[in-house]
């Protein structure tokens, strides 16, 4: 079975459980924290996926992290299930699918904003949320990222749609016009 299909099944099962328990945000926060741990310690995922390392030791690591962040018991058991079945490698995909499910539930879209000057763009993020909220008819959460190659202005990606107000895009258009 393909990795993405498996990740979707696990994420949806976890999401359904979180909804049933009324703890979607609690599970989301737990997954986010675990994802942060993995981003700080990328070798941890490799360790958890390594079949040569004792399963009990890997469960002890998960248990320690779960206690530290006070995960709901079913989230900890979910991680144990992935360990038992040798599916920890699916975690990054599971995180993404779970987050997508939460956004659908909350009628929210993620706007990925790339800007040459993130400090200046940070000041107008609330305005961007309002504008793109009207366009999408959904709540908008912005994720800001720096990209000096844009020269100035910003680019907003919502799903597959890109709104490009960067100077680089304007220069590219000017180049096309002059050469065209």
Protein backbone atom coordinates (compact mmCIF):
# COMPACT_ATOMS: atom_id res chain seq x y z
CA UNK A 1 0.00 0.00 0.00
CA UNK A 2 1.32 3.45 -0.84
CA UNK A 3 2.72 5.64 1.91
CA UNK A 4 0.25 8.49 1.31
CA UNK A 5 -2.76 6.15 1.51
CA UNK A 6 -1.50 4.69 4.79
CA UNK A 7 -0.75 8.13 6.23
CA UNK A 8 -4.26 9.30 5.35
CA UNK A 9 -5.83 6.29 7.02
CA UNK A 10 -3.86 6.74 10.22
CA UNK A 11 -4.39 10.51 10.30
CA UNK A 12 -8.11 10.22 9.69
CA UNK A 13 -8.48 7.54 12.37
CA UNK A 14 -6.62 9.73 14.85
CA UNK A 15 -8.67 12.75 13.80
CA UNK A 16 -11.94 10.84 14.26
CA UNK A 17 -10.79 9.74 17.72
CA UNK A 18 -9.84 13.31 18.65
CA UNK A 19 -13.24 14.56 17.47
CA UNK A 20 -15.03 11.85 19.39
CA UNK A 21 -13.15 12.83 22.55
CA UNK A 22 -13.75 16.54 21.88
CA UNK A 23 -10.01 17.15 21.89
CA UNK A 24 -9.11 18.02 18.31
CA UNK A 25 -7.08 21.07 19.36
CA UNK A 26 -5.38 19.10 22.15
CA UNK A 27 -4.33 16.38 19.69
CA UNK A 28 -3.30 19.00 17.14
CA UNK A 29 -1.10 20.68 19.75
CA UNK A 30 0.39 17.32 20.75
CA UNK A 31 1.21 16.46 17.15
CA UNK A 32 2.67 19.92 16.63
CA UNK A 33 4.88 19.55 19.71
CA UNK A 34 6.06 16.13 18.58
CA UNK A 35 6.79 17.53 15.13
CA UNK A 36 8.82 20.31 16.77
CA UNK A 37 10.82 17.71 18.74
CA UNK A 38 11.52 15.87 15.48
CA UNK A 39 12.60 19.07 13.72
CA UNK A 40 14.98 19.93 16.57
CA UNK A 41 16.29 16.34 16.70
CA UNK A 42 15.95 14.93 13.15
CA UNK A 43 17.90 11.81 14.12
CA UNK A 44 15.11 10.90 16.55
CA UNK A 45 12.79 9.86 13.71
CA UNK A 46 15.59 7.76 12.23
CA UNK A 47 16.09 6.14 15.62
CA UNK A 48 12.36 5.45 16.02
CA UNK A 49 12.23 3.93 12.52
CA UNK A 50 15.31 1.76 13.06
CA UNK A 51 14.20 -1.87 13.42
CA UNK A 52 17.54 -2.82 14.99
CA UNK A 53 16.79 -0.79 18.11
CA UNK A 54 14.82 -2.48 20.86
CA UNK A 55 11.09 -1.68 20.67
CA UNK A 56 10.86 -1.25 24.45
CA UNK A 57 13.59 1.43 24.37
CA UNK A 58 11.77 3.29 21.59
CA UNK A 59 8.52 3.12 23.57
CA UNK A 60 10.34 4.50 26.61
CA UNK A 61 11.44 7.49 24.51
CA UNK A 62 7.86 8.08 23.31
CA UNK A 63 6.57 7.69 26.86
CA UNK A 64 9.10 10.21 28.17
CA UNK A 65 8.14 12.76 25.48
CA UNK A 66 4.44 12.12 26.11
CA UNK A 67 4.82 12.71 29.84
CA UNK A 68 6.90 15.83 29.29
CA UNK A 69 4.26 17.40 27.02
CA UNK A 70 1.28 15.73 28.76
CA UNK A 71 -0.19 14.15 25.64
CA UNK A 72 -3.64 12.59 25.84
CA UNK A 73 -3.28 8.84 26.54
CA UNK A 74 -4.73 7.87 23.16
CA UNK A 75 -2.14 10.01 21.35
CA UNK A 76 0.63 8.19 23.18
CA UNK A 77 -0.99 4.86 22.29
CA UNK A 78 -1.22 6.04 18.68
CA UNK A 79 2.55 6.57 18.64
CA UNK A 80 2.99 3.11 20.20
CA UNK A 81 0.80 1.62 17.47
CA UNK A 82 2.99 3.20 14.80
CA UNK A 83 6.08 1.81 16.54
CA UNK A 84 4.56 -1.67 16.82
CA UNK A 85 3.69 -1.74 13.14
CA UNK A 86 6.94 -0.20 11.94
CA UNK A 87 5.15 2.85 10.54
CA UNK A 88 6.89 5.73 12.33
CA UNK A 89 8.23 6.85 8.96
CA UNK A 90 4.68 7.98 8.17
CA UNK A 91 4.67 10.64 10.91
CA UNK A 92 5.48 13.68 8.71
CA UNK A 93 2.67 12.75 6.31
CA UNK A 94 0.29 11.98 9.17
CA UNK A 95 1.00 15.42 10.68
CA UNK A 96 0.13 17.08 7.37
CA UNK A 97 -3.09 15.14 6.79
CA UNK A 98 -4.24 15.67 10.38
CA UNK A 99 -3.60 19.41 10.07
CA UNK A 100 -5.56 19.48 6.79
CA UNK A 101 -8.48 17.74 8.51
CA UNK A 102 -8.45 20.27 11.36
CA UNK A 103 -8.42 23.14 8.84
CA UNK A 104 -11.41 21.65 7.02
CA UNK A 105 -13.25 21.25 10.32
CA UNK A 106 -12.47 24.87 11.28
CA UNK A 107 -13.21 26.19 7.75
CA UNK A 108 -9.66 27.57 7.60
CA UNK A 109 -7.08 27.89 4.84
CA UNK A 110 -3.35 28.37 5.21
CA UNK A 111 -1.84 31.30 3.35
CA UNK A 112 1.88 30.79 2.85
CA UNK A 113 3.30 34.30 2.55
CA UNK A 114 6.81 34.72 1.14
CA UNK A 115 8.30 38.19 1.44
CA UNK A 116 11.62 39.83 0.77
CA UNK A 117 11.19 41.91 3.94
CA UNK A 118 9.38 39.84 6.56
CA UNK A 119 9.45 42.68 9.11
CA UNK A 120 7.45 44.97 6.82
CA UNK A 121 5.09 42.17 5.78
CA UNK A 122 4.51 41.18 9.41
CA UNK A 123 2.87 44.58 9.91
CA UNK A 124 0.25 43.92 7.24
CA UNK A 125 -0.50 40.25 7.98
CA UNK A 126 -3.82 41.11 9.63
CA UNK A 127 -4.86 43.02 6.51
CA UNK A 128 -3.80 40.09 4.32
CA UNK A 129 -5.93 37.75 6.44
CA UNK A 130 -8.96 39.99 5.91
CA UNK A 131 -8.43 40.36 2.15
CA UNK A 132 -7.80 36.67 1.53
CA UNK A 133 -10.61 35.76 3.91
CA UNK A 134 -12.98 37.66 1.64
CA UNK A 135 -11.54 35.98 -1.45
CA UNK A 136 -11.70 32.44 -0.04
CA UNK A 137 -14.77 32.89 2.20
CA UNK A 138 -12.81 31.10 4.95
CA UNK A 139 -10.72 31.95 7.98
CA UNK A 140 -7.11 32.53 6.98
CA UNK A 141 -4.00 31.60 8.94
CA UNK A 142 -0.77 33.06 7.60
CA UNK A 143 2.63 31.41 7.63
CA UNK A 144 5.35 33.95 6.90
CA UNK A 145 8.63 32.99 5.25
CA UNK A 146 11.55 35.07 4.04
CA UNK A 147 12.63 34.97 0.37
CA UNK A 148 15.12 37.72 -0.57
CA UNK A 149 14.96 36.67 -4.23
CA UNK A 150 11.54 38.39 -4.45
CA UNK A 151 13.43 41.71 -4.19
CA UNK A 152 10.38 43.43 -2.69
CA UNK A 153 6.68 42.85 -2.17
CA UNK A 154 5.33 39.39 -1.40
CA UNK A 155 3.86 36.19 -2.77
CA UNK A 156 0.86 34.44 -1.23
CA UNK A 157 0.12 30.76 -1.88
CA UNK A 158 -3.25 29.35 -0.83
CA UNK A 159 -3.56 25.75 -1.93
CA UNK A 160 -2.59 25.67 -5.61
CA UNK A 161 -3.26 29.37 -6.21
CA UNK A 162 -0.41 31.89 -6.12
CA UNK A 163 -0.97 35.64 -5.80
CA UNK A 164 2.30 37.28 -6.78
CA UNK A 165 2.84 40.92 -5.89
CA UNK A 166 6.62 40.72 -5.83
CA UNK A 167 9.00 43.05 -7.62
CA UNK A 168 10.67 39.99 -9.16
CA UNK A 169 7.34 39.04 -10.82
CA UNK A 170 6.85 42.60 -12.07
CA UNK A 171 10.38 42.62 -13.52
CA UNK A 172 9.69 39.26 -15.20
CA UNK A 173 6.50 40.69 -16.74
CA UNK A 174 8.37 43.77 -17.93
CA UNK A 175 11.05 41.56 -19.47
CA UNK A 176 8.37 39.51 -21.28
CA UNK A 177 6.74 42.67 -22.60
CA UNK A 178 10.01 44.16 -23.85
CA UNK A 179 11.18 40.93 -25.46
CA UNK A 180 7.76 39.88 -26.71
